[in-house]
Amino acid sequence: MKKKIVGILVCTLLIATAVPAVGILNIKKQSNGTTSYEADVPVWEVGDSWTYNEHYNEFAYKNDGTLLLAWYHNCTSTYTVTNTTGDSYKVKLTSKNNQGSLIVGSIRLKYTPFTKLSQELEHRKTDLAYKGWIHQEKGFVFWLLGKIGLPIPAHFSLVTEASFSPAEELIPFPLTPGKTGTFSNYSMIGHQKMSLYFGLIKLSDSNFSYNTSAQDYICEMTNITVPAGPYEAYNISTDVGSAQNFSYLYYVPQVGSYAKISRHLELDGSGKPTMNYEHELVSTNYSP
């Protein structure tokens, strides 16, 4: 059971934790007189930050189709560049306005505003490929016991560390409208711990590994509106296998990062959702 829980939660965190970005927009004149738009890799500085409204929903099912895991987390997250030395950017996520819950088998937890989501992220400077992360959910929750859901206060901790080999490609720089290609496959290895009452009740403590397949993408220009305002964005859409599944990431050069993420996945042919992610930019201090 513990290995199943670890595998499910790793998949939960795999897609949502990246902080992709785009850089300065260059306008180039072609030989036929037309104009093309190209976005290059940005240069981040310590203190650059981006704030998003983020909504995470994840579901997993047993072989008989009944629910095994349901994870909800809504929050306002701020990603801040903390270190630019060497060949990587280090980015820290902090959160507020936290809401959510976690169901794993018979364990039912209701989050409180004190159940904080945080992350430490590492990106390769040359292309912003994703090298690894540390994901944490920690704080006081209500452990719901019995059929009536008797709420018992508890401290909850979930810590996951992961690294990628090769680094996970996030954006096919340089970005140009109409560009198509394939993101390479990669492997992820790491460790996860989940517990209650400061480790007195251990829910999981295991190593994990995960292999992805290559995925096709297409880049197109589109107009979007988010709390930070209206933008013309690069929409990086990824082929995720079927019509009911989609993955869209909207990149805006002048904010140096994505302005919106929208993802939805279902079990093939079942109509049962496995993932819903929605992130929208609220504000940024980034300046090209």
Protein backbone atom coordinates (compact mmCIF):
# COMPACT_ATOMS: atom_id res chain seq x y z
CA MET A 1 0.00 0.00 0.00
CA LYS A 2 2.82 2.43 0.87
CA LYS A 3 4.50 1.93 -2.50
CA LYS A 4 1.20 2.59 -4.28
CA ILE A 5 0.70 5.79 -2.29
CA VAL A 6 4.20 7.00 -3.12
CA GLY A 7 3.77 6.29 -6.82
CA ILE A 8 0.45 8.10 -6.98
CA LEU A 9 1.68 11.18 -5.15
CA VAL A 10 4.80 11.38 -7.30
CA CYS A 11 2.61 11.46 -10.42
CA THR A 12 0.52 14.10 -8.69
CA LEU A 13 3.50 16.38 -8.24
CA LEU A 14 5.34 15.59 -11.46
CA ILE A 15 3.60 17.97 -13.83
CA ALA A 16 2.46 20.82 -11.63
CA THR A 17 5.65 21.97 -9.98
CA ALA A 18 7.65 23.38 -12.87
CA VAL A 19 8.13 27.15 -13.26
CA PRO A 20 8.60 27.55 -17.03
CA ALA A 21 9.47 30.95 -18.43
CA VAL A 22 10.04 32.91 -21.59
CA GLY A 23 12.32 35.77 -22.30
CA ILE A 24 12.64 38.81 -24.49
CA LEU A 25 10.64 39.00 -27.70
CA ASN A 26 12.74 39.65 -30.80
CA ILE A 27 11.08 40.82 -34.01
CA LYS A 28 12.93 39.60 -37.09
CA LYS A 29 12.45 40.62 -40.71
CA GLN A 30 12.41 37.70 -43.13
CA SER A 31 13.78 37.72 -46.68
CA ASN A 32 10.22 37.77 -48.08
CA GLY A 33 9.39 40.92 -46.13
CA THR A 34 7.22 39.23 -43.47
CA THR A 35 7.82 39.49 -39.74
CA SER A 36 8.35 36.62 -37.31
CA TYR A 37 8.31 36.68 -33.53
CA GLU A 38 10.95 34.86 -31.52
CA ALA A 39 11.22 34.59 -27.72
CA ASP A 40 14.67 33.85 -26.31
CA VAL A 41 15.70 32.41 -22.95
CA PRO A 42 15.36 35.11 -20.26
CA VAL A 43 17.96 36.24 -17.78
CA TRP A 44 16.61 36.08 -14.24
CA GLU A 45 18.00 38.06 -11.32
CA VAL A 46 17.88 37.34 -7.60
CA GLY A 47 14.59 38.74 -6.28
CA ASP A 48 12.59 38.32 -9.49
CA SER A 49 9.20 36.90 -8.51
CA TRP A 50 5.86 35.77 -9.94
CA THR A 51 2.61 35.28 -8.00
CA TYR A 52 -0.16 32.92 -9.18
CA ASN A 53 -3.57 31.70 -8.13
CA GLU A 54 -3.09 27.91 -8.26
CA HIS A 55 -5.64 25.10 -8.21
CA TYR A 56 -4.59 21.43 -8.03
CA ASN A 57 -6.91 18.41 -8.24
CA GLU A 58 -5.59 14.83 -8.50
CA PHE A 59 -7.41 11.49 -8.42
CA ALA A 60 -6.36 7.84 -8.55
CA TYR A 61 -8.43 4.67 -8.61
CA LYS A 62 -8.22 1.04 -7.54
CA ASN A 63 -8.46 -1.78 -10.09
CA ASP A 64 -12.20 -2.05 -9.44
CA GLY A 65 -12.65 1.66 -10.27
CA THR A 66 -13.25 2.90 -6.74
CA LEU A 67 -11.41 5.97 -5.51
CA LEU A 68 -7.98 5.43 -3.93
CA LEU A 69 -6.63 8.97 -3.76
CA ALA A 70 -8.09 12.47 -4.01
CA TRP A 71 -5.84 15.51 -3.57
CA TYR A 72 -7.04 19.11 -3.61
CA HIS A 73 -4.88 22.16 -2.97
CA ASN A 74 -5.81 25.75 -3.77
CA CYS A 75 -3.47 28.60 -2.85
CA THR A 76 -1.77 31.80 -3.91
CA SER A 77 1.88 30.98 -4.60
CA THR A 78 4.87 33.26 -5.10
CA TYR A 79 7.95 31.97 -6.95
CA THR A 80 11.12 33.95 -6.13
CA VAL A 81 14.59 33.58 -7.65
CA THR A 82 16.99 33.04 -4.74
CA ASN A 83 20.29 32.14 -6.40
CA THR A 84 21.80 32.64 -9.87
CA THR A 85 25.35 31.35 -9.36
CA GLY A 86 26.73 28.53 -11.50
CA ASP A 87 24.74 27.00 -14.34
CA SER A 88 21.35 26.90 -12.55
CA TYR A 89 18.63 29.15 -11.24
CA LYS A 90 17.32 28.35 -7.75
CA VAL A 91 13.69 29.30 -7.16
CA LYS A 92 11.64 29.14 -3.95
CA LEU A 93 7.85 28.84 -3.76
CA THR A 94 5.92 30.16 -0.77
CA SER A 95 2.14 30.06 -0.42
CA LYS A 96 -0.79 31.73 1.32
CA ASN A 97 -4.60 31.41 1.22
CA ASN A 98 -4.15 27.64 1.44
CA GLN A 99 -7.19 25.36 1.17
CA GLY A 100 -7.52 21.67 0.40
CA SER A 101 -7.75 18.06 1.47
CA LEU A 102 -6.12 14.68 0.96
CA ILE A 103 -7.72 11.24 0.88
CA VAL A 104 -5.40 8.22 0.66
CA GLY A 105 -7.23 4.95 1.21
CA SER A 106 -8.90 5.21 4.62
CA ILE A 107 -6.92 8.33 5.65
CA ARG A 108 -8.93 11.53 5.25
CA LEU A 109 -7.31 14.90 5.96
CA LYS A 110 -8.83 18.37 5.70
CA TYR A 111 -6.29 21.15 5.27
CA THR A 112 -6.36 24.39 7.22
CA PRO A 113 -4.86 27.81 6.30
CA PHE A 114 -1.81 26.58 8.23
CA THR A 115 -1.19 23.68 5.81
CA LYS A 116 1.43 25.39 3.67
CA LEU A 117 2.66 24.36 0.25
CA SER A 118 6.33 25.15 -0.46
CA GLN A 119 8.89 24.13 -3.05
CA GLU A 120 12.55 24.57 -3.97
CA LEU A 121 13.14 24.36 -7.72
CA GLU A 122 16.24 24.20 -9.92
CA HIS A 123 16.38 25.19 -13.60
CA ARG A 124 19.26 24.95 -16.05
CA LYS A 125 20.20 28.45 -17.22
CA THR A 126 20.86 27.64 -20.86
CA ASP A 127 17.32 26.47 -21.63
CA LEU A 128 15.44 26.49 -18.29
CA ALA A 129 15.26 22.69 -18.36
CA TYR A 130 14.05 21.33 -15.05
CA LYS A 131 16.81 19.67 -12.97
CA GLY A 132 14.96 18.83 -9.76
CA TRP A 133 12.77 19.96 -6.88
CA ILE A 134 11.86 19.58 -3.23
CA HIS A 135 8.10 19.67 -2.61
CA GLN A 136 6.59 20.07 0.86
CA GLU A 137 3.10 20.25 2.35
CA LYS A 138 3.29 20.86 6.07
CA GLY A 139 1.08 22.19 8.83
CA PHE A 140 -1.95 21.51 10.96
CA VAL A 141 -4.87 19.58 9.47
CA PHE A 142 -8.04 17.90 10.69
CA TRP A 143 -7.86 14.11 10.57
CA LEU A 144 -11.44 12.98 9.87
CA LEU A 145 -12.22 9.74 11.72
CA GLY A 146 -15.10 7.33 11.23
CA LYS A 147 -18.15 7.59 9.01
CA ILE A 148 -19.22 10.88 10.58
CA GLY A 149 -15.76 12.40 10.00
CA LEU A 150 -14.93 13.34 13.59
CA PRO A 151 -12.28 16.08 13.22
CA ILE A 152 -9.11 15.45 15.22
CA PRO A 153 -6.35 18.11 15.03
CA ALA A 154 -3.08 16.72 13.70
CA HIS A 155 0.20 17.91 12.24
CA PHE A 156 0.75 16.69 8.66
CA SER A 157 4.02 16.49 6.73
CA LEU A 158 4.67 15.47 3.12
CA VAL A 159 8.23 15.91 1.76
CA THR A 160 9.27 14.76 -1.71
CA GLU A 161 12.71 15.24 -3.28
CA ALA A 162 13.31 14.44 -6.95
CA SER A 163 15.97 14.82 -9.62
CA PHE A 164 15.76 14.42 -13.41
CA SER A 165 18.07 12.67 -15.86
CA PRO A 166 18.41 14.19 -18.37
CA ALA A 167 16.89 17.49 -17.29
CA GLU A 168 13.19 17.82 -18.12
CA GLU A 169 12.66 20.11 -21.11
CA LEU A 170 10.03 22.75 -20.41
CA ILE A 171 10.07 25.10 -23.38
CA PRO A 172 11.47 24.62 -26.90
CA PHE A 173 13.59 27.78 -27.06
CA PRO A 174 13.66 29.85 -29.15
CA LEU A 175 9.88 30.10 -29.27
CA THR A 176 8.32 30.95 -32.64
CA PRO A 177 4.67 30.76 -33.76
CA GLY A 178 3.93 27.50 -35.55
CA LYS A 179 6.98 25.70 -34.17
CA THR A 180 6.53 21.95 -33.67
CA GLY A 181 8.77 19.28 -32.20
CA THR A 182 9.17 16.65 -29.49
CA PHE A 183 10.15 16.94 -25.85
CA SER A 184 12.62 14.19 -24.99
CA ASN A 185 11.86 11.45 -22.48
CA TYR A 186 13.57 11.55 -19.09
CA SER A 187 13.85 9.63 -15.82
CA MET A 188 13.05 10.87 -12.34
CA ILE A 189 14.34 9.40 -9.08
CA GLY A 190 13.71 10.54 -5.54
CA HIS A 191 12.44 9.94 -2.04
CA GLN A 192 9.18 10.67 -0.26
CA LYS A 193 8.08 10.84 3.37
CA MET A 194 4.54 11.36 4.62
CA SER A 195 3.52 11.36 8.28
CA LEU A 196 1.24 12.69 11.02
CA TYR A 197 2.08 14.12 14.44
CA PHE A 198 5.66 15.12 13.59
CA GLY A 199 6.58 11.65 12.39
CA LEU A 200 4.89 9.58 15.11
CA ILE A 201 2.47 8.06 12.56
CA LYS A 202 4.29 7.23 9.31
CA LEU A 203 2.13 7.02 6.20
CA SER A 204 4.97 6.47 3.70
CA ASP A 205 8.78 6.50 3.56
CA SER A 206 10.07 5.16 0.24
CA ASN A 207 12.32 5.70 -2.74
CA PHE A 208 10.74 5.97 -6.17
CA SER A 209 11.61 6.12 -9.85
CA TYR A 210 9.57 7.23 -12.84
CA ASN A 211 10.18 7.16 -16.59
CA THR A 212 8.38 9.38 -19.09
CA SER A 213 7.85 9.02 -22.81
CA ALA A 214 8.66 11.64 -25.44
CA GLN A 215 5.81 14.08 -26.16
CA ASP A 216 5.03 16.14 -29.25
CA TYR A 217 4.30 19.85 -28.92
CA ILE A 218 3.14 22.80 -31.01
CA CYS A 219 3.62 26.51 -30.32
CA GLU A 220 0.96 29.03 -31.36
CA MET A 221 0.15 32.65 -30.51
CA THR A 222 -3.06 33.43 -28.64
CA ASN A 223 -4.65 36.17 -26.53
CA ILE A 224 -5.44 35.47 -22.87
CA THR A 225 -6.72 37.40 -19.85
CA VAL A 226 -5.60 36.59 -16.29
CA PRO A 227 -5.76 38.61 -13.04
CA ALA A 228 -2.49 40.33 -13.98
CA GLY A 229 -4.08 41.57 -17.22
CA PRO A 230 -4.56 40.73 -20.91
CA TYR A 231 -1.57 39.32 -22.81
CA GLU A 232 -0.53 37.98 -26.17
CA ALA A 233 1.03 34.63 -25.25
CA TYR A 234 2.84 31.66 -26.71
CA ASN A 235 0.59 28.65 -26.19
CA ILE A 236 2.71 25.49 -25.85
CA SER A 237 0.26 22.62 -26.24
CA THR A 238 1.46 19.07 -25.64
CA ASP A 239 0.05 15.88 -27.13
CA VAL A 240 -1.26 13.85 -24.20
CA GLY A 241 -2.89 11.05 -26.14
CA SER A 242 -6.62 11.72 -26.56
CA ALA A 243 -9.16 14.46 -27.25
CA GLN A 244 -10.47 14.73 -23.68
CA ASN A 245 -6.93 15.30 -22.36
CA PHE A 246 -5.11 18.60 -22.83
CA SER A 247 -2.07 20.49 -21.59
CA TYR A 248 -1.67 24.19 -22.39
CA LEU A 249 1.04 26.49 -21.05
CA TYR A 250 0.78 30.17 -21.98
CA TYR A 251 4.07 32.05 -22.00
CA VAL A 252 4.40 35.84 -22.01
CA PRO A 253 7.81 37.36 -22.82
CA GLN A 254 7.31 40.66 -21.01
CA VAL A 255 6.61 38.94 -17.68
CA GLY A 256 9.53 36.50 -18.06
CA SER A 257 7.36 33.51 -17.18
CA TYR A 258 4.12 31.74 -17.98
CA ALA A 259 0.86 33.63 -17.45
CA LYS A 260 -1.39 30.58 -17.35
CA ILE A 261 -1.31 26.77 -17.12
CA SER A 262 -4.34 24.64 -17.93
CA ARG A 263 -4.19 20.83 -17.78
CA HIS A 264 -6.80 18.09 -17.71
CA LEU A 265 -6.25 14.33 -17.85
CA GLU A 266 -8.69 11.42 -17.66
CA LEU A 267 -8.40 7.65 -17.51
CA ASP A 268 -8.62 6.40 -21.08
CA GLY A 269 -12.23 5.72 -22.02
CA SER A 270 -13.55 5.96 -18.46
CA GLY A 271 -14.45 9.64 -18.17
CA LYS A 272 -12.87 9.65 -14.70
CA PRO A 273 -10.56 12.62 -14.15
CA THR A 274 -7.03 12.03 -12.89
CA MET A 275 -5.71 15.60 -13.02
CA ASN A 276 -6.92 19.19 -13.22
CA TYR A 277 -4.45 22.07 -12.87
CA GLU A 278 -5.19 25.78 -13.32
CA HIS A 279 -2.59 28.46 -12.63
CA GLU A 280 -3.09 32.17 -13.45
CA LEU A 281 -0.67 35.04 -13.02
CA VAL A 282 -1.64 37.64 -10.41
CA SER A 283 1.45 39.88 -10.43
CA THR A 284 5.20 40.02 -11.10
CA ASN A 285 8.13 42.38 -10.48
CA TYR A 286 10.10 40.98 -13.44
CA SER A 287 11.53 43.48 -15.91
CA PRO A 288 13.08 42.35 -19.23
